Amino acid sequence: MEKLGMVVSTFNHEITGEMSRRAIERAKEAGAKIVKVIEVPGSFEIPLAVKELLEQKDINGVVTIGTILKGGTDHDMVIAHAIAKKLMDLSCEYGKPVSLGISGPNITWQQAEKRIEEYAARAVDSVVKMLRKG
């Protein structure tokens, strides 16, 4: 059974809390287990917590959960691109899969709500599939 870590942004908790709950359920359905969860204030802080989990020998991969909503500026775009690149870099550095379960950028609250189930499932499925590829 794959042992997964999960990092969850608590910003927009009404959305990310439900995404987190559904990701845990999806992991069970997929025959994996989320053994450690780290909550962080916002999506920007996700990569540091991912690094902490990747350094643990008993963690096979990391699921990320967050949402970056469209604001009045392009700040959401800047943050999302920086996070995505860093997560990819960490995955390659540690040789363990890391998902991008962060909805956004450039989405509204309503769009994020509609994507809760899909993004939570994909975040788990991508890590599990990478671990089982061989």
C-alpha atoms as a PDB file:
ATOM      1  CA  MET A   1       0.000   0.000   0.000  1.00  0.00           C
ATOM      2  CA  GLU A   2       1.337   3.387  -0.995  1.00  0.00           C
ATOM      3  CA  LYS A   3       1.853   5.808   1.880  1.00  0.00           C
ATOM      4  CA  LEU A   4       1.079   9.364   0.897  1.00  0.00           C
ATOM      5  CA  GLY A   5       1.572  12.727   2.496  1.00  0.00           C
ATOM      6  CA  MET A   6      -0.837  15.574   1.860  1.00  0.00           C
ATOM      7  CA  VAL A   7      -0.408  19.331   2.120  1.00  0.00           C
ATOM      8  CA  VAL A   8      -3.588  21.392   2.421  1.00  0.00           C
ATOM      9  CA  SER A   9      -3.920  25.161   2.188  1.00  0.00           C
ATOM     10  CA  THR A  10      -6.383  26.471   4.774  1.00  0.00           C
ATOM     11  CA  PHE A  11      -7.036  29.671   2.806  1.00  0.00           C
ATOM     12  CA  ASN A  12     -10.539  29.320   1.319  1.00  0.00           C
ATOM     13  CA  HIS A  13     -11.066  26.464   3.778  1.00  0.00           C
ATOM     14  CA  GLU A  14     -14.693  25.966   2.760  1.00  0.00           C
ATOM     15  CA  ILE A  15     -13.339  24.645  -0.535  1.00  0.00           C
ATOM     16  CA  THR A  16      -9.986  23.132   0.484  1.00  0.00           C
ATOM     17  CA  GLY A  17     -11.402  21.400   3.552  1.00  0.00           C
ATOM     18  CA  GLU A  18     -13.900  19.539   1.385  1.00  0.00           C
ATOM     19  CA  MET A  19     -11.196  18.795  -1.194  1.00  0.00           C
ATOM     20  CA  SER A  20      -9.042  17.350   1.590  1.00  0.00           C
ATOM     21  CA  ARG A  21     -11.841  15.137   2.878  1.00  0.00           C
ATOM     22  CA  ARG A  22     -12.560  13.814  -0.600  1.00  0.00           C
ATOM     23  CA  ALA A  23      -8.856  13.223  -1.314  1.00  0.00           C
ATOM     24  CA  ILE A  24      -8.584  11.038   1.797  1.00  0.00           C
ATOM     25  CA  GLU A  25     -11.633   9.048   0.633  1.00  0.00           C
ATOM     26  CA  ARG A  26     -10.205   8.704  -2.874  1.00  0.00           C
ATOM     27  CA  ALA A  27      -6.880   7.428  -1.532  1.00  0.00           C
ATOM     28  CA  LYS A  28      -8.725   4.663   0.357  1.00  0.00           C
ATOM     29  CA  GLU A  29     -10.681   3.754  -2.778  1.00  0.00           C
ATOM     30  CA  ALA A  30      -7.404   3.562  -4.722  1.00  0.00           C
ATOM     31  CA  GLY A  31      -5.785   1.286  -2.145  1.00  0.00           C
ATOM     32  CA  ALA A  32      -3.421   3.956  -0.823  1.00  0.00           C
ATOM     33  CA  LYS A  33      -3.289   5.711   2.528  1.00  0.00           C
ATOM     34  CA  ILE A  34      -2.648   9.323   3.453  1.00  0.00           C
ATOM     35  CA  VAL A  35      -0.469   8.888   6.529  1.00  0.00           C
ATOM     36  CA  LYS A  36       0.459  12.508   7.248  1.00  0.00           C
ATOM     37  CA  VAL A  37      -1.339  15.789   6.579  1.00  0.00           C
ATOM     38  CA  ILE A  38       0.254  19.208   6.922  1.00  0.00           C
ATOM     39  CA  GLU A  39      -1.948  22.300   6.850  1.00  0.00           C
ATOM     40  CA  VAL A  40      -0.429  25.570   5.635  1.00  0.00           C
ATOM     41  CA  PRO A  41      -1.904  29.097   5.583  1.00  0.00           C
ATOM     42  CA  GLY A  42      -2.077  29.459   1.798  1.00  0.00           C
ATOM     43  CA  SER A  43      -1.044  27.850  -1.472  1.00  0.00           C
ATOM     44  CA  PHE A  44       2.201  29.830  -1.524  1.00  0.00           C
ATOM     45  CA  GLU A  45       3.403  27.852   1.506  1.00  0.00           C
ATOM     46  CA  ILE A  46       2.608  24.433   0.010  1.00  0.00           C
ATOM     47  CA  PRO A  47       6.064  23.747  -1.522  1.00  0.00           C
ATOM     48  CA  LEU A  48       7.940  24.068   1.787  1.00  0.00           C
ATOM     49  CA  ALA A  49       5.626  21.559   3.474  1.00  0.00           C
ATOM     50  CA  VAL A  50       5.882  19.255   0.437  1.00  0.00           C
ATOM     51  CA  LYS A  51       9.667  19.294   0.800  1.00  0.00           C
ATOM     52  CA  GLU A  52       9.331  18.316   4.461  1.00  0.00           C
ATOM     53  CA  LEU A  53       7.165  15.332   3.509  1.00  0.00           C
ATOM     54  CA  LEU A  54       9.381  14.265   0.613  1.00  0.00           C
ATOM     55  CA  GLU A  55      12.343  14.059   2.990  1.00  0.00           C
ATOM     56  CA  GLN A  56      10.528  11.406   5.055  1.00  0.00           C
ATOM     57  CA  LYS A  57      11.507   7.903   3.974  1.00  0.00           C
ATOM     58  CA  ASP A  58       8.078   6.415   4.751  1.00  0.00           C
ATOM     59  CA  ILE A  59       6.262   8.846   2.406  1.00  0.00           C
ATOM     60  CA  ASN A  60       6.059   7.561  -1.184  1.00  0.00           C
ATOM     61  CA  GLY A  61       4.450  10.640  -2.751  1.00  0.00           C
ATOM     62  CA  VAL A  62       2.637  13.862  -1.883  1.00  0.00           C
ATOM     63  CA  VAL A  63      -0.837  15.137  -2.698  1.00  0.00           C
ATOM     64  CA  THR A  64      -1.374  18.907  -2.677  1.00  0.00           C
ATOM     65  CA  ILE A  65      -4.708  20.621  -2.074  1.00  0.00           C
ATOM     66  CA  GLY A  66      -5.401  24.317  -2.578  1.00  0.00           C
ATOM     67  CA  THR A  67      -7.315  26.873  -4.583  1.00  0.00           C
ATOM     68  CA  ILE A  68      -6.102  30.156  -6.026  1.00  0.00           C
ATOM     69  CA  LEU A  69      -9.024  32.423  -6.874  1.00  0.00           C
ATOM     70  CA  LYS A  70      -8.986  35.300  -9.323  1.00  0.00           C
ATOM     71  CA  GLY A  71      -8.540  38.650  -7.646  1.00  0.00           C
ATOM     72  CA  GLY A  72      -8.381  42.204  -8.910  1.00  0.00           C
ATOM     73  CA  THR A  73      -4.815  41.836 -10.227  1.00  0.00           C
ATOM     74  CA  ASP A  74      -2.648  39.135 -11.819  1.00  0.00           C
ATOM     75  CA  HIS A  75      -1.301  38.093  -8.407  1.00  0.00           C
ATOM     76  CA  ASP A  76      -3.080  34.733  -8.698  1.00  0.00           C
ATOM     77  CA  MET A  77      -1.247  33.971 -11.945  1.00  0.00           C
ATOM     78  CA  VAL A  78       2.159  34.800 -10.468  1.00  0.00           C
ATOM     79  CA  ILE A  79       1.565  32.658  -7.381  1.00  0.00           C
ATOM     80  CA  ALA A  80       0.158  29.692  -9.327  1.00  0.00           C
ATOM     81  CA  HIS A  81       3.029  29.573 -11.806  1.00  0.00           C
ATOM     82  CA  ALA A  82       5.663  29.804  -9.071  1.00  0.00           C
ATOM     83  CA  ILE A  83       4.028  27.010  -7.063  1.00  0.00           C
ATOM     84  CA  ALA A  84       3.598  24.701 -10.055  1.00  0.00           C
ATOM     85  CA  LYS A  85       7.251  25.071 -11.043  1.00  0.00           C
ATOM     86  CA  LYS A  86       8.509  24.491  -7.524  1.00  0.00           C
ATOM     87  CA  LEU A  87       6.352  21.386  -7.059  1.00  0.00           C
ATOM     88  CA  MET A  88       7.685  19.940 -10.317  1.00  0.00           C
ATOM     89  CA  ASP A  89      11.248  20.740  -9.253  1.00  0.00           C
ATOM     90  CA  LEU A  90      10.742  19.051  -5.863  1.00  0.00           C
ATOM     91  CA  SER A  91       9.247  15.946  -7.458  1.00  0.00           C
ATOM     92  CA  CYS A  92      12.246  15.612  -9.773  1.00  0.00           C
ATOM     93  CA  GLU A  93      14.758  16.379  -7.006  1.00  0.00           C
ATOM     94  CA  TYR A  94      13.396  13.738  -4.624  1.00  0.00           C
ATOM     95  CA  GLY A  95      12.289  11.211  -7.250  1.00  0.00           C
ATOM     96  CA  LYS A  96       8.808  10.988  -5.738  1.00  0.00           C
ATOM     97  CA  PRO A  97       5.535  12.083  -7.346  1.00  0.00           C
ATOM     98  CA  VAL A  98       3.885  15.307  -6.236  1.00  0.00           C
ATOM     99  CA  SER A  99       0.432  16.222  -7.506  1.00  0.00           C
ATOM    100  CA  LEU A 100      -0.880  19.622  -8.478  1.00  0.00           C
ATOM    101  CA  GLY A 101      -4.247  19.523  -6.726  1.00  0.00           C
ATOM    102  CA  ILE A 102      -4.531  23.292  -6.705  1.00  0.00           C
ATOM    103  CA  SER A 103      -7.467  24.746  -8.606  1.00  0.00           C
ATOM    104  CA  GLY A 104      -6.845  28.038 -10.333  1.00  0.00           C
ATOM    105  CA  PRO A 105      -5.558  30.499 -11.175  1.00  0.00           C
ATOM    106  CA  ASN A 106      -8.112  32.754 -12.783  1.00  0.00           C
ATOM    107  CA  ILE A 107     -11.178  30.999 -11.384  1.00  0.00           C
ATOM    108  CA  THR A 108     -14.108  32.237  -9.358  1.00  0.00           C
ATOM    109  CA  TRP A 109     -15.431  30.856  -6.077  1.00  0.00           C
ATOM    110  CA  GLN A 110     -18.268  29.142  -7.958  1.00  0.00           C
ATOM    111  CA  GLN A 111     -15.868  27.533 -10.428  1.00  0.00           C
ATOM    112  CA  ALA A 112     -13.669  26.311  -7.578  1.00  0.00           C
ATOM    113  CA  GLU A 113     -16.692  24.768  -5.835  1.00  0.00           C
ATOM    114  CA  LYS A 114     -17.601  22.870  -9.011  1.00  0.00           C
ATOM    115  CA  ARG A 115     -14.067  21.463  -9.223  1.00  0.00           C
ATOM    116  CA  ILE A 116     -13.786  20.157  -5.638  1.00  0.00           C
ATOM    117  CA  GLU A 117     -14.426  16.488  -6.448  1.00  0.00           C
ATOM    118  CA  GLU A 118     -12.488  16.461  -9.727  1.00  0.00           C
ATOM    119  CA  TYR A 119      -9.350  18.140  -8.395  1.00  0.00           C
ATOM    120  CA  ALA A 120      -9.293  16.078  -5.202  1.00  0.00           C
ATOM    121  CA  ALA A 121      -9.587  12.813  -7.143  1.00  0.00           C
ATOM    122  CA  ARG A 122      -7.008  13.824  -9.751  1.00  0.00           C
ATOM    123  CA  ALA A 123      -4.570  14.950  -7.080  1.00  0.00           C
ATOM    124  CA  VAL A 124      -4.621  11.485  -5.519  1.00  0.00           C
ATOM    125  CA  ASP A 125      -4.888   9.498  -8.734  1.00  0.00           C
ATOM    126  CA  SER A 126      -1.872  11.164 -10.340  1.00  0.00           C
ATOM    127  CA  VAL A 127       0.402  10.279  -7.414  1.00  0.00           C
ATOM    128  CA  VAL A 128      -0.899   6.704  -7.139  1.00  0.00           C
ATOM    129  CA  LYS A 129      -0.582   6.116 -10.890  1.00  0.00           C
ATOM    130  CA  MET A 130       2.997   7.372 -10.910  1.00  0.00           C
ATOM    131  CA  LEU A 131       3.900   5.096  -8.002  1.00  0.00           C
ATOM    132  CA  ARG A 132       2.364   2.094  -9.774  1.00  0.00           C
ATOM    133  CA  LYS A 133       3.749   2.812 -13.230  1.00  0.00           C
ATOM    134  CA  GLY A 134       6.305   0.023 -13.029  1.00  0.00           C
END
